[in-house]
Protein backbone atom coordinates (compact mmCIF):
# COMPACT_ATOMS: atom_id res chain seq x y z
CA MET A 1 20.27 96.77 -67.89
CA ASN A 2 23.53 98.24 -66.15
CA PHE A 3 25.02 97.17 -63.03
CA MET A 4 23.32 99.65 -60.75
CA GLU A 5 20.06 99.12 -62.20
CA LEU A 6 20.42 95.49 -60.84
CA PHE A 7 19.88 96.67 -57.30
CA GLN A 8 16.42 98.13 -58.28
CA VAL A 9 15.21 94.93 -59.20
CA VAL A 10 13.18 93.47 -56.37
CA HIS A 11 13.33 90.00 -57.55
CA THR A 12 17.03 90.21 -57.45
CA THR A 13 16.79 91.28 -53.97
CA CYS A 14 14.48 88.32 -53.00
CA MET A 15 16.98 85.97 -54.72
CA PHE A 16 20.00 87.47 -52.82
CA LEU A 17 18.21 87.49 -49.51
CA ALA A 18 16.80 84.17 -49.89
CA PHE A 19 20.22 82.69 -50.94
CA PHE A 20 21.94 84.15 -47.90
CA ILE A 21 19.33 83.15 -45.18
CA ALA A 22 19.09 79.77 -46.61
CA SER A 23 22.62 79.13 -46.44
CA CYS A 24 22.85 80.33 -42.83
CA ILE A 25 19.99 77.96 -41.95
CA PHE A 26 21.53 74.93 -43.93
CA VAL A 27 24.53 75.42 -41.45
CA TYR A 28 22.51 73.77 -38.75
CA CYS A 29 20.61 71.09 -40.95
CA ASP A 30 21.80 67.46 -41.42
CA PHE A 31 22.72 66.19 -44.97
CA TRP A 32 19.18 64.66 -45.42
CA ILE A 33 17.47 67.61 -44.59
CA LYS A 34 19.40 69.66 -47.01
CA CYS A 35 18.85 67.20 -49.77
CA SER A 36 15.10 67.15 -48.90
CA ALA A 37 14.88 71.08 -49.21
CA VAL A 38 16.98 70.99 -52.49
CA LEU A 39 14.60 68.38 -53.99
CA PHE A 40 11.44 70.28 -52.68
CA ALA A 41 12.65 73.52 -53.98
CA VAL A 42 13.70 72.14 -57.41
CA ALA A 43 10.17 70.10 -57.71
CA VAL A 44 8.11 73.18 -56.87
CA PHE A 45 10.10 75.26 -59.33
CA LEU A 46 9.38 72.93 -62.25
CA ILE A 47 5.69 72.87 -61.24
CA LEU A 48 5.58 76.56 -61.05
CA ARG A 49 7.27 76.82 -64.53
CA ILE A 50 5.15 74.03 -66.21
CA GLY A 51 1.72 75.07 -64.77
CA GLY A 52 2.17 78.15 -62.78
CA ALA A 53 -0.46 80.09 -64.52
CA ARG A 54 -3.16 77.45 -63.74
CA ILE A 55 -2.08 76.90 -60.22
CA PHE A 56 -1.84 80.77 -59.19
CA PRO A 57 -4.54 82.09 -61.76
CA GLU A 58 -5.10 85.24 -59.48
CA LYS A 59 -1.37 85.91 -59.18
CA THR A 60 0.65 87.96 -61.81
CA ASP A 61 3.49 87.06 -63.85
CA SER A 62 5.65 89.25 -61.41
CA PHE A 63 4.69 87.06 -58.39
CA ARG A 64 5.58 83.62 -60.22
CA ARG A 65 8.75 85.12 -61.35
CA GLY A 66 9.83 86.30 -57.93
CA LEU A 67 8.96 82.95 -56.40
CA SER A 68 10.97 81.18 -59.01
CA PHE A 69 13.88 83.21 -58.21
CA VAL A 70 13.61 82.52 -54.61
CA LEU A 71 13.23 78.79 -55.11
CA CYS A 72 16.38 78.84 -57.17
CA ALA A 73 18.32 80.64 -54.62
CA CYS A 74 17.31 78.08 -51.98
CA ALA A 75 18.24 75.07 -54.04
CA ALA A 76 21.50 76.80 -55.12
CA ALA A 77 22.13 77.52 -51.24
CA GLY A 78 21.46 73.86 -50.50
CA ILE A 79 23.77 72.52 -53.08
CA TYR A 80 26.60 74.93 -52.12
CA SER A 81 26.20 73.94 -48.46
CA ILE A 82 26.38 70.29 -49.25
CA ALA A 83 29.35 70.59 -51.39
CA PHE A 84 31.47 72.47 -48.88
CA PHE A 85 30.02 71.59 -45.39
CA ASP A 86 29.09 67.89 -46.12
CA VAL A 87 31.67 66.90 -48.87
CA TYR A 88 34.63 69.10 -48.84
CA TYR A 89 34.95 69.66 -44.87
CA GLY A 90 33.92 65.98 -44.63
CA ILE A 91 37.05 64.74 -46.48
CA PHE A 92 39.21 66.78 -43.80
CA SER A 93 37.15 65.20 -41.07
CA ASP A 94 38.29 61.88 -41.97
CA TYR A 95 41.93 62.75 -41.23
CA ALA A 96 41.21 63.01 -37.60
CA GLY A 97 43.55 60.83 -35.55
CA GLN A 98 45.94 60.26 -38.21
CA SER A 99 49.56 61.25 -38.18
CA ASP A 100 51.37 63.35 -40.96
CA ALA A 101 54.93 64.43 -41.91
CA VAL A 102 54.48 68.14 -42.39
CA ARG A 103 56.22 71.44 -42.92
CA VAL A 104 54.16 74.34 -41.55
CA ARG A 105 54.39 78.11 -41.27
CA ILE A 106 53.12 80.06 -38.31
CA GLU A 107 50.60 82.86 -39.32
CA SER A 108 49.70 84.15 -35.71
CA CYS A 109 49.32 83.22 -32.13
CA ASP A 110 45.83 82.08 -31.34
CA TYR A 111 46.30 81.43 -27.55
CA SER A 112 49.23 81.08 -25.23
CA LEU A 113 50.18 79.76 -21.81
CA SER A 114 53.46 79.40 -20.15
CA TYR A 115 53.64 75.69 -21.03
CA MET A 116 51.66 75.62 -24.35
CA ALA A 117 50.45 77.61 -27.12
CA ARG A 118 47.92 77.37 -30.02
CA TYR A 119 48.89 78.84 -33.33
CA HIS A 120 47.02 79.58 -36.62
CA ALA A 121 49.30 77.79 -39.01
CA ILE A 122 49.34 76.83 -42.78
CA VAL A 123 50.61 73.50 -44.00
CA THR A 124 53.27 74.24 -46.75
CA ASP A 125 54.00 70.62 -47.48
CA SER A 126 52.21 67.39 -46.37
CA ALA A 127 52.05 63.71 -47.07
CA LEU A 128 48.16 63.77 -46.73
CA ILE A 129 46.35 66.91 -47.01
CA PRO A 130 46.61 69.58 -49.67
CA ASP A 131 49.19 72.14 -49.41
CA ASN A 132 48.19 75.63 -48.09
CA THR A 133 45.59 74.17 -45.82
CA GLN A 134 44.97 76.36 -42.61
CA ILE A 135 45.09 74.40 -39.32
CA LEU A 136 45.07 75.29 -35.73
CA LEU A 137 48.29 73.97 -34.28
CA THR A 138 48.85 73.15 -30.47
CA SER A 139 52.58 73.13 -29.38
CA GLU A 140 54.56 72.89 -26.32
CA GLN A 141 56.97 75.66 -28.15
CA VAL A 142 55.77 78.88 -26.84
CA GLY A 143 56.39 82.40 -28.19
CA LEU A 144 56.82 81.45 -31.78
CA GLU A 145 57.03 84.47 -33.95
CA ASP A 146 54.92 84.82 -37.07
CA GLY A 147 56.39 83.26 -40.11
CA THR A 148 58.47 80.79 -38.13
CA VAL A 149 58.87 77.49 -40.17
CA LEU A 150 58.60 74.11 -38.30
CA GLU A 151 58.97 70.66 -39.63
CA GLY A 152 58.15 67.11 -38.15
CA SER A 153 55.20 65.10 -37.32
CA ILE A 154 51.80 66.09 -36.11
CA VAL A 155 48.40 64.33 -35.42
CA TYR A 156 45.18 65.69 -36.60
CA SER A 157 41.79 66.04 -35.01
CA ALA A 158 38.46 67.22 -36.01
CA LEU A 159 37.56 70.75 -34.95
CA SER A 160 34.46 69.58 -33.22
CA GLU A 161 36.71 67.34 -30.98
CA SER A 162 38.46 70.49 -29.79
CA SER A 163 35.15 71.70 -28.20
CA SER A 164 35.20 71.96 -24.33
CA GLY A 165 33.37 73.91 -21.93
CA GLY A 166 30.53 74.83 -24.16
CA PHE A 167 32.83 76.35 -26.95
CA ASN A 168 31.98 74.98 -30.36
CA ALA A 169 35.12 75.02 -32.27
CA GLU A 170 33.45 74.48 -35.87
CA ARG A 171 31.33 77.67 -35.52
CA TYR A 172 34.26 79.69 -34.44
CA TYR A 173 37.18 78.36 -36.80
CA LEU A 174 35.55 77.58 -40.07
CA PRO A 175 34.53 81.00 -40.97
CA LYS A 176 38.28 81.64 -40.61
CA GLN A 177 38.86 78.81 -43.08
CA ILE A 178 40.65 76.69 -40.55
CA LEU A 179 39.82 73.21 -41.25
CA LEU A 180 41.68 71.01 -38.71
CA THR A 181 43.33 71.11 -35.31
CA ALA A 182 46.56 69.39 -34.87
CA GLU A 183 49.05 68.70 -31.94
CA GLU A 184 52.56 68.47 -32.24
CA GLU A 185 54.32 65.15 -32.02
CA ALA A 186 57.94 66.15 -33.06
CA LEU A 187 58.45 69.60 -34.63
CA ARG A 188 61.51 71.33 -35.05
CA GLU A 189 62.20 74.84 -36.04
CA THR A 190 63.98 75.07 -39.33
CA GLY A 191 63.92 78.94 -40.29
CA LYS A 192 61.49 81.77 -40.95
CA GLU A 193 59.52 82.89 -44.00
CA GLU A 194 57.58 85.84 -44.63
CA PRO A 195 56.04 85.56 -48.19
CA PHE A 196 54.82 88.91 -49.43
CA SER A 197 51.20 89.59 -49.13
CA ILE A 198 48.96 92.67 -49.27
CA THR A 199 46.87 91.41 -46.23
CA GLY A 200 50.10 90.61 -44.18
CA LEU A 201 51.27 94.33 -44.68
CA PHE A 202 47.95 95.69 -43.46
CA ARG A 203 48.19 93.22 -40.56
CA LYS A 204 51.50 94.48 -39.60
CA LEU A 205 50.37 98.05 -39.90
CA ASN A 206 47.34 97.31 -37.78
CA HIS A 207 49.53 95.87 -35.17
CA LYS A 208 51.98 98.61 -35.46
CA LEU A 209 49.35 101.19 -34.76
CA THR A 210 48.02 99.25 -31.94
CA VAL A 211 51.50 99.08 -30.40
CA ARG A 212 51.39 103.04 -30.67
CA LEU A 213 48.18 103.21 -28.67
CA ILE A 214 49.22 100.82 -25.73
CA ALA A 215 52.83 102.07 -25.58
CA HIS A 216 51.54 105.45 -24.68
CA ALA A 217 48.26 105.16 -23.13
CA LYS A 218 47.70 102.44 -20.39
CA ARG A 219 47.67 99.06 -21.64
CA GLU A 220 44.12 98.41 -21.04
CA TYR A 221 42.87 101.67 -22.27
CA GLY A 222 44.92 101.61 -25.35
CA GLY A 223 43.76 98.02 -26.17
CA THR A 224 40.12 99.31 -25.75
CA ALA A 225 40.96 102.30 -28.12
CA ALA A 226 42.42 99.91 -30.70
CA ALA A 227 39.69 97.46 -30.33
CA VAL A 228 37.23 100.28 -30.99
CA LEU A 229 38.88 101.85 -33.89
CA LEU A 230 41.04 99.20 -35.51
CA GLY A 231 39.36 96.02 -34.65
CA ASN A 232 42.19 94.52 -32.88
CA LYS A 233 40.96 92.72 -29.80
CA GLU A 234 44.27 91.36 -28.84
CA TYR A 235 44.97 93.79 -25.85
CA LEU A 236 41.10 94.43 -24.96
CA PRO A 237 40.77 93.46 -21.24
CA ASP A 238 38.29 90.59 -20.39
CA GLN A 239 36.54 92.73 -17.99
CA THR A 240 35.72 95.44 -20.70
CA SER A 241 34.12 92.56 -22.84
CA ARG A 242 32.36 91.10 -19.85
CA ASP A 243 30.85 94.52 -18.87
CA PHE A 244 29.85 95.69 -22.46
CA ARG A 245 28.24 92.09 -23.01
CA ARG A 246 26.16 92.50 -19.77
CA LEU A 247 24.85 95.99 -20.85
CA GLY A 248 24.04 94.66 -24.30
CA VAL A 249 26.62 97.03 -26.01
CA SER A 250 29.19 94.55 -27.05
CA HIS A 251 28.57 95.56 -30.74
CA LEU A 252 30.25 98.63 -30.02
CA LEU A 253 33.62 96.61 -29.61
CA VAL A 254 33.23 95.30 -33.25
CA VAL A 255 34.05 97.18 -36.48
CA SER A 256 30.80 97.67 -38.33
CA GLY A 257 29.05 100.24 -40.34
CA THR A 258 29.21 102.91 -37.42
CA HIS A 259 32.83 103.04 -37.96
CA PHE A 260 32.71 103.47 -41.95
CA SER A 261 30.09 106.27 -41.18
CA VAL A 262 32.47 108.02 -38.75
CA LEU A 263 35.14 107.68 -41.28
CA LEU A 264 33.30 108.76 -44.48
CA THR A 265 31.68 111.83 -42.69
CA CYS A 266 34.92 113.22 -41.42
CA ALA A 267 36.74 112.51 -44.97
CA SER A 268 33.48 114.02 -46.75
CA ARG A 269 33.48 117.13 -44.62
CA LEU A 270 37.08 117.68 -45.10
CA MET A 271 36.65 117.38 -49.02
CA ILE A 272 33.75 119.77 -48.93
CA HIS A 273 35.72 122.48 -47.47
CA MET A 274 38.68 121.64 -50.07
CA ARG A 275 36.04 122.22 -52.77
CA ILE A 276 36.29 118.84 -54.32
CA ASN A 277 33.54 117.90 -56.39
CA LEU A 278 30.94 115.06 -55.77
CA ARG A 279 32.60 112.48 -58.12
CA LYS A 280 35.88 112.89 -56.84
CA ARG A 281 34.57 112.73 -53.20
CA ALA A 282 33.11 109.21 -54.22
CA GLY A 283 36.26 107.99 -55.64
CA VAL A 284 38.22 109.05 -52.61
CA SER A 285 35.64 107.42 -50.39
CA ILE A 286 35.97 104.16 -52.32
CA LEU A 287 39.73 104.09 -51.57
CA LEU A 288 39.25 105.03 -48.18
CA ILE A 289 36.74 102.06 -47.59
CA LEU A 290 38.98 99.60 -49.37
CA PHE A 291 41.95 100.80 -46.99
CA TYR A 292 39.82 100.65 -44.01
CA MET A 293 38.54 96.98 -44.75
CA ALA A 294 42.15 95.97 -45.33
CA LEU A 295 43.28 97.77 -42.23
CA THR A 296 40.72 95.94 -39.97
CA GLY A 297 41.35 92.24 -41.28
CA PHE A 298 38.39 91.81 -43.73
CA SER A 299 36.33 90.17 -40.92
CA ALA A 300 32.86 89.03 -41.91
CA SER A 301 30.93 92.31 -40.47
CA VAL A 302 33.71 94.59 -41.92
CA LEU A 303 33.05 93.01 -45.40
CA ARG A 304 29.20 93.51 -44.89
CA ALA A 305 29.65 97.09 -44.08
CA GLY A 306 32.42 97.84 -46.68
CA ILE A 307 30.59 96.26 -49.54
CA MET A 308 27.35 98.09 -48.68
CA TYR A 309 29.15 101.47 -48.49
CA LEU A 310 31.13 100.64 -51.73
CA ILE A 311 27.75 100.22 -53.52
CA ALA A 312 26.52 103.36 -52.21
CA GLN A 313 29.58 105.33 -53.53
CA MET A 314 29.40 103.54 -56.95
CA ALA A 315 26.00 104.56 -57.16
CA LEU A 316 27.11 108.30 -56.56
CA LEU A 317 29.58 107.84 -59.53
CA ALA A 318 26.90 106.24 -61.74
CA ASP A 319 24.26 108.70 -60.69
CA ARG A 320 21.83 106.23 -59.31
CA ARG A 321 19.95 105.61 -56.08
CA VAL A 322 20.61 102.28 -54.32
CA ASN A 323 18.06 100.54 -52.07
CA ASP A 324 19.85 99.66 -48.81
CA LEU A 325 18.05 96.51 -48.42
CA HIS A 326 19.29 95.45 -51.99
CA SER A 327 22.88 96.23 -50.98
CA LEU A 328 22.41 94.22 -47.76
CA ALA A 329 21.08 91.17 -49.44
CA PHE A 330 23.75 91.37 -51.99
CA ALA A 331 26.69 91.95 -49.46
CA GLY A 332 25.52 88.88 -47.51
CA SER A 333 25.44 86.63 -50.64
CA VAL A 334 28.78 87.78 -52.04
CA ILE A 335 30.36 86.90 -48.54
CA VAL A 336 29.07 83.54 -48.54
CA LEU A 337 29.74 82.77 -52.16
CA PHE A 338 33.48 83.54 -51.82
CA ASN A 339 33.53 81.89 -48.32
CA PRO A 340 30.92 79.44 -47.82
CA PHE A 341 31.94 78.78 -44.20
CA ALA A 342 31.08 82.50 -43.43
CA ALA A 343 27.54 81.37 -43.20
CA ALA A 344 28.34 79.85 -39.70
CA ASP A 345 29.98 83.24 -38.59
CA CYS A 346 28.16 84.29 -35.49
CA GLY A 347 29.55 87.96 -36.08
CA LEU A 348 28.23 87.96 -39.81
CA LEU A 349 24.78 86.87 -38.53
CA LEU A 350 24.44 89.56 -35.92
CA SER A 351 25.85 92.22 -38.18
CA PHE A 352 23.30 91.46 -40.91
CA THR A 353 20.53 91.10 -38.84
CA ALA A 354 21.25 94.23 -36.97
CA THR A 355 21.49 96.20 -39.95
CA TYR A 356 18.48 94.61 -41.46
CA SER A 357 16.60 95.93 -38.19
CA CYS A 358 17.89 99.45 -38.70
CA LEU A 359 16.56 99.31 -42.35
CA LEU A 360 13.37 98.03 -40.95
CA TYR A 361 13.05 100.69 -38.22
CA ASN A 362 13.77 103.46 -40.86
CA SER A 363 11.02 102.01 -43.11
CA LEU A 364 8.49 102.00 -40.12
CA ARG A 365 9.02 105.66 -39.31
CA PRO A 366 7.57 107.14 -42.39
CA LEU A 367 4.86 104.66 -42.46
CA PHE A 368 3.75 105.76 -38.94
CA TYR A 369 3.91 109.49 -39.82
CA ARG A 370 1.85 108.89 -42.93
CA HIS A 371 -0.72 106.70 -40.85
CA ARG A 372 -0.98 109.62 -38.30
CA ARG A 373 -1.69 112.19 -41.09
CA GLU A 374 -4.29 109.78 -42.76
CA LYS A 375 -6.09 109.52 -39.48
CA ARG A 376 -6.13 113.39 -39.09
CA LYS A 377 -7.37 113.82 -42.50
CA ALA A 378 -10.10 111.19 -42.16
CA ALA A 379 -11.16 112.88 -38.94
CA GLY A 380 -11.59 116.42 -40.67
CA LYS A 381 -8.86 117.93 -38.80
CA PRO A 382 -6.62 120.58 -40.82
CA ARG A 383 -3.08 119.66 -41.60
CA ARG A 384 -0.56 121.22 -39.04
CA LYS A 385 1.80 123.90 -40.39
CA TYR A 386 5.16 123.08 -40.12
CA ARG A 387 7.31 124.78 -37.32
CA LYS A 388 10.95 124.18 -37.00
CA PRO A 389 11.25 122.67 -33.38
CA ASN A 390 13.55 124.23 -30.78
CA LEU A 391 16.67 122.39 -29.37
CA PHE A 392 14.92 120.76 -26.56
CA VAL A 393 12.36 119.14 -28.81
CA ARG A 394 15.12 118.03 -31.32
CA ILE A 395 17.08 116.38 -28.53
CA LEU A 396 13.89 114.72 -27.26
CA ARG A 397 13.08 113.35 -30.81
CA ASN A 398 16.55 112.03 -31.26
CA THR A 399 16.41 110.55 -27.89
CA PHE A 400 13.18 108.73 -28.67
CA GLY A 401 14.60 107.87 -32.03
CA VAL A 402 17.68 106.05 -30.54
CA ILE A 403 15.36 104.21 -28.02
CA GLY A 404 13.00 103.03 -30.82
CA LEU A 405 16.07 102.04 -32.97
CA THR A 406 17.42 99.97 -30.19
CA ALA A 407 14.12 98.20 -29.19
CA VAL A 408 13.70 97.20 -32.80
CA VAL A 409 17.22 95.85 -33.12
CA ASN A 410 16.86 94.01 -29.75
CA ILE A 411 13.65 92.42 -31.08
CA THR A 412 15.24 91.40 -34.28
CA LEU A 413 18.31 89.91 -32.70
CA LEU A 414 16.38 87.94 -30.06
CA PRO A 415 16.29 84.70 -32.23
CA LEU A 416 20.41 84.91 -32.35
CA ILE A 417 20.55 86.03 -28.91
CA TRP A 418 18.80 82.83 -27.81
CA LEU A 419 20.94 80.68 -30.29
CA TYR A 420 24.45 81.99 -29.43
CA PHE A 421 24.31 83.67 -25.96
CA GLY A 422 20.99 82.53 -24.08
CA GLU A 423 20.43 85.87 -22.18
CA LEU A 424 19.30 89.13 -22.58
CA SER A 425 20.18 92.34 -20.86
CA LEU A 426 17.64 94.74 -19.44
CA LEU A 427 20.01 97.71 -19.78
CA SER A 428 20.44 97.36 -23.44
CA ILE A 429 18.49 100.51 -24.29
CA PRO A 430 19.69 102.90 -21.80
CA SER A 431 23.19 101.61 -22.27
CA ASN A 432 23.06 101.97 -26.13
CA LEU A 433 21.74 105.83 -25.38
CA VAL A 434 24.82 106.27 -22.95
CA PHE A 435 27.73 104.38 -24.78
CA ILE A 436 27.01 104.99 -28.37
CA PRO A 437 28.25 108.65 -28.15
CA LEU A 438 30.85 107.67 -25.74
CA VAL A 439 32.47 105.01 -27.94
CA THR A 440 32.21 107.55 -30.93
CA ILE A 441 34.30 109.92 -28.99
CA LEU A 442 36.74 107.59 -28.09
CA MET A 443 37.00 106.63 -31.60
CA TYR A 444 37.81 110.40 -32.49
CA LEU A 445 40.27 110.59 -29.82
CA ALA A 446 42.27 107.39 -30.96
CA ALA A 447 42.09 108.45 -34.73
CA LEU A 448 43.44 112.01 -33.88
CA PHE A 449 46.20 110.39 -31.79
CA LEU A 450 47.46 108.19 -34.68
CA LEU A 451 46.91 110.89 -37.32
CA GLN A 452 49.20 113.15 -35.52
CA TYR A 453 51.80 110.76 -34.07
CA PRO A 454 54.41 111.37 -36.78
CA LEU A 455 54.54 114.89 -35.72
CA GLY A 456 54.53 113.79 -32.07
CA ILE A 457 53.32 117.19 -30.93
CA LEU A 458 49.99 116.39 -29.22
CA THR A 459 51.11 112.67 -28.45
CA TYR A 460 51.53 112.83 -24.55
CA PRO A 461 48.35 115.18 -23.97
CA LEU A 462 46.09 113.06 -26.26
CA ALA A 463 47.38 109.85 -24.58
CA GLN A 464 46.44 111.31 -21.33
CA CYS A 465 43.07 112.21 -22.57
CA ILE A 466 42.39 108.79 -23.68
CA ASN A 467 43.48 107.41 -20.38
CA HIS A 468 41.20 109.73 -18.47
CA TYR A 469 38.41 109.44 -20.70
CA CYS A 470 38.51 105.35 -20.82
CA THR A 471 38.83 105.55 -16.93
CA ALA A 472 35.51 107.40 -16.51
CA MET A 473 33.80 105.30 -19.45
CA LEU A 474 35.02 102.00 -18.26
CA GLY A 475 34.40 102.61 -14.77
CA LEU A 476 30.67 103.70 -15.59
CA ALA A 477 30.42 100.38 -17.65
CA LYS A 478 31.63 98.34 -14.60
CA THR A 479 29.55 100.10 -12.19
CA MET A 480 26.34 99.57 -14.53
CA SER A 481 27.05 96.05 -15.21
CA GLU A 482 27.57 95.02 -11.51
CA LEU A 483 23.83 95.73 -11.01
CA GLU A 484 22.08 92.61 -10.09
CA ASN A 485 19.38 90.95 -12.03
CA ILE A 486 20.01 92.90 -15.27
CA MET A 487 20.51 89.86 -17.35
CA ILE A 488 17.41 87.54 -17.91
CA PRO A 489 17.66 84.12 -19.33
CA VAL A 490 15.88 83.19 -22.71
CA ASN A 491 17.34 79.68 -23.06
CA TYR A 492 14.03 77.89 -22.35
CA ARG A 493 12.84 74.94 -24.14
CA PHE A 494 9.51 76.81 -25.14
CA THR A 495 11.51 79.69 -26.71
CA VAL A 496 11.67 78.20 -30.22
CA TRP A 497 7.78 78.06 -30.37
CA PHE A 498 7.92 81.96 -29.93
CA LEU A 499 11.00 82.62 -32.01
CA VAL A 500 9.95 80.67 -35.38
CA PRO A 501 6.80 82.78 -35.90
CA LEU A 502 8.72 86.08 -34.91
CA THR A 503 11.35 85.47 -37.27
CA VAL A 504 9.20 84.75 -40.22
CA MET A 505 7.15 87.98 -39.42
CA LEU A 506 10.24 90.07 -39.22
CA VAL A 507 11.60 88.67 -42.54
CA LEU A 508 8.20 89.47 -44.22
CA ILE A 509 7.84 92.92 -43.25
CA PRO A 510 9.49 94.56 -46.32
CA PHE A 511 7.65 92.58 -48.78
CA VAL A 512 3.97 93.19 -47.65
CA SER A 513 1.40 95.84 -48.28
CA VAL A 514 0.27 98.36 -45.63
CA LYS A 515 -2.55 96.13 -44.65
CA TYR A 516 -0.48 93.03 -44.01
CA PHE A 517 2.20 95.20 -42.43
CA ARG A 518 -0.18 96.38 -39.52
CA ILE A 519 -1.27 92.75 -39.19
CA LEU A 520 2.40 91.82 -39.02
CA VAL A 521 3.42 94.32 -36.58
CA SER A 522 0.40 93.53 -34.23
CA GLY A 523 1.55 89.78 -34.48
CA ILE A 524 5.03 90.58 -33.38
CA PHE A 525 3.96 92.57 -30.35
CA THR A 526 1.70 89.87 -29.30
CA VAL A 527 4.32 87.14 -29.65
CA LEU A 528 6.59 89.19 -27.60
CA THR A 529 4.29 89.97 -24.98
CA ALA A 530 3.22 86.34 -24.55
CA PHE A 531 6.84 85.30 -24.47
CA PHE A 532 7.91 87.59 -21.79
CA LEU A 533 4.81 86.87 -19.81
CA VAL A 534 5.73 83.35 -19.84
CA ILE A 535 9.23 83.93 -18.86
CA GLY A 536 7.95 85.88 -16.16
CA VAL A 537 5.75 83.08 -14.75
CA VAL A 538 8.59 80.65 -15.00
CA ARG A 539 11.17 82.76 -13.36
CA ILE A 540 8.57 83.47 -10.57
CA THR A 541 7.60 79.74 -10.16
CA ASP A 542 11.35 78.85 -10.80
CA HIS A 543 10.51 75.38 -12.62
CA PRO A 544 13.87 73.51 -12.79
CA ASN A 545 13.06 71.50 -15.77
CA VAL A 546 12.54 73.84 -18.38
CA ILE A 547 16.03 75.44 -19.05
CA PHE A 548 18.29 74.35 -21.77
CA PRO A 549 22.03 74.70 -21.06
CA MET A 550 22.34 76.64 -24.23
CA LEU A 551 25.92 76.76 -25.06
CA PRO A 552 27.66 79.50 -27.14
CA GLN A 553 27.70 78.84 -30.74
CA ASN A 554 26.56 75.40 -30.15
CA GLN A 555 23.61 73.73 -31.77
CA GLU A 556 23.39 70.70 -29.49
CA THR A 557 21.18 70.97 -26.23
CA THR A 558 20.08 68.77 -23.52
CA VAL A 559 17.32 69.27 -21.21
CA LEU A 560 18.18 69.34 -17.52
CA PHE A 561 15.86 67.61 -15.11
């Protein structure tokens, strides 16, 4: 079996999917729960291997083999989580409150005020912790440039201790592999170091392209264009982030599969016009994907999308077909294997779940059409002749397609929306219909601006186009987001009793037969209907003692009475 055929094996898909999902769940579990889960998985695996044929006589060897793969993946995920979250990260947590003589190098500025700044730094020499450990350094020295070297003493503190106002530092900084926070005791600047690194070069290129956008377009509009195209949110206005979040389209400000799709579509059409053959196009596409991943900083969502597109292009080179669900499960597992703390990354979970829901929707449509044909055939009706639909019908179908896809994505994301945000936008579906094409056009404008920039011929008119276009688009977003009662809270204490069965049914859909598929879909709609009816009743009666003060990226909640 060659590498590409590995992605056609359903057991392998189940293993990758189980490993990734279990890794993300274990992030929120205590040590003893992880140990119990690992022991349970190992015990069931041994029982299955020793007497599986007697325990499941009606099941096939394929079923028992698939279950064995899932159990092994869950046990491996538990051991992996214990090793890194409880043992390795626990060692660094023990340094909280200790003073250390260090030599650190500033990598980037995380947050800055007039009287203090917080930097992402690397400890290059320490009396306590290993060299090259990444920390979050708080200092009164404002405006330090990247590469600045400081020497002196600092005091460590755990990431969780820096949480304030509902912000969970562990969930945010651990995926970035920042293990400690530190406060300056006495640091002095001793020089500057800029060690060569490929990622550093791409980071500088990203910053240079961003500066070009904000230098010629207005700062807030250039910052929006840079966030959409380059994934650089340094100059993204807070107002824009708020408006897009209230409209349920904040995912459009994050580099994801849509960006790769636009990039590869443009490149592929250009190469087709240049009469480049399929294999060479696949090779060039692989290079473009790697370049764009490096340019946008290898964030979790970028890695997920990039790996899936790389597998698709490698399949073209190998003349194989790849199942997208296999690629998605493999991408998630690879990311967690190389960075175990990525299992706590909100962006990765949202990206993975949204992609899963898109694949789910694409599998629902042919089943729906097949079911409709079977009903017509059973009723004795003749099969309709195919007629090419007119333009109006095609637009209508595409509109309903986007509405259906957005609805499925929102349903699938509901557990994560409850966990991280606690509220749901009622304008999500119409906003996606409006802003997906608008943001795509902005991507094209920003890309065209950067591509022609060395020539300078169209720099001014394109910058003005970006200004006027963003004025209209962001003005529309602001107007829509200011509508009252467009956000409904889902952070009630009864929510978990609806979301647990909903999540289980959503995960099981791709692995069941048509008979059980219909049952699951009916169950999903039943649970959702009951959930929103209960929310409606609670909102009307306004009980004050049912709401959790759910905090972003925070697993701890308390009930308000």
